[in-house]
Amino acid sequence: MRIVPRVLSAAIAAALISTPALAAELTGTLKKIKDSGTI
């Protein structure tokens, strides 16, 4: 039963690390909203 927390911790860490790598660069309307700070 000690393996489960380690596997769960590793899965959460991998998800948090990989999320920024999958984020795409904003374009179009979303970029305009981010740049101006208003919707």
C-alpha atoms as a PDB file:
ATOM      1  CA  MET A   1       0.000   0.000   0.000  1.00  0.00           C
ATOM      2  CA  ARG A   2       2.982   2.343   0.212  1.00  0.00           C
ATOM      3  CA  ILE A   3       3.351   2.357  -3.569  1.00  0.00           C
ATOM      4  CA  VAL A   4       0.002   4.074  -4.191  1.00  0.00           C
ATOM      5  CA  PRO A   5       0.899   7.481  -2.655  1.00  0.00           C
ATOM      6  CA  ARG A   6       4.195   7.534  -4.554  1.00  0.00           C
ATOM      7  CA  VAL A   7       2.513   6.740  -7.855  1.00  0.00           C
ATOM      8  CA  LEU A   8      -0.184   9.329  -7.193  1.00  0.00           C
ATOM      9  CA  SER A   9       2.411  11.964  -6.279  1.00  0.00           C
ATOM     10  CA  ALA A  10       4.412  11.201  -9.404  1.00  0.00           C
ATOM     11  CA  ALA A  11       1.299  11.461 -11.586  1.00  0.00           C
ATOM     12  CA  ILE A  12       0.334  14.829 -10.098  1.00  0.00           C
ATOM     13  CA  ALA A  13       3.878  16.164 -10.468  1.00  0.00           C
ATOM     14  CA  ALA A  14       4.038  15.026 -14.093  1.00  0.00           C
ATOM     15  CA  ALA A  15       0.711  16.702 -14.850  1.00  0.00           C
ATOM     16  CA  LEU A  16       1.808  20.002 -13.297  1.00  0.00           C
ATOM     17  CA  ILE A  17       5.157  19.985 -15.089  1.00  0.00           C
ATOM     18  CA  SER A  18       3.730  19.121 -18.508  1.00  0.00           C
ATOM     19  CA  THR A  19       0.859  21.645 -18.471  1.00  0.00           C
ATOM     20  CA  PRO A  20       2.954  24.721 -19.445  1.00  0.00           C
ATOM     21  CA  ALA A  21       4.611  22.733 -22.228  1.00  0.00           C
ATOM     22  CA  LEU A  22       1.220  22.053 -23.801  1.00  0.00           C
ATOM     23  CA  ALA A  23       0.000  25.653 -23.609  1.00  0.00           C
ATOM     24  CA  ALA A  24      -0.209  27.253 -27.029  1.00  0.00           C
ATOM     25  CA  GLU A  25       0.747  30.841 -27.789  1.00  0.00           C
ATOM     26  CA  LEU A  26      -2.263  33.146 -27.783  1.00  0.00           C
ATOM     27  CA  THR A  27      -3.374  34.619 -31.086  1.00  0.00           C
ATOM     28  CA  GLY A  28      -6.204  36.772 -32.334  1.00  0.00           C
ATOM     29  CA  THR A  29      -8.873  37.888 -29.889  1.00  0.00           C
ATOM     30  CA  LEU A  30      -7.385  36.056 -26.903  1.00  0.00           C
ATOM     31  CA  LYS A  31      -4.049  37.826 -27.426  1.00  0.00           C
ATOM     32  CA  LYS A  32      -5.807  41.198 -27.619  1.00  0.00           C
ATOM     33  CA  ILE A  33      -7.662  40.489 -24.365  1.00  0.00           C
ATOM     34  CA  LYS A  34      -4.460  39.442 -22.598  1.00  0.00           C
ATOM     35  CA  ASP A  35      -2.517  42.462 -23.860  1.00  0.00           C
ATOM     36  CA  SER A  36      -5.188  45.010 -22.949  1.00  0.00           C
ATOM     37  CA  GLY A  37      -6.226  43.385 -19.672  1.00  0.00           C
ATOM     38  CA  THR A  38      -9.919  43.926 -20.423  1.00  0.00           C
ATOM     39  CA  ILE A  39     -12.611  41.881 -22.069  1.00  0.00           C
END
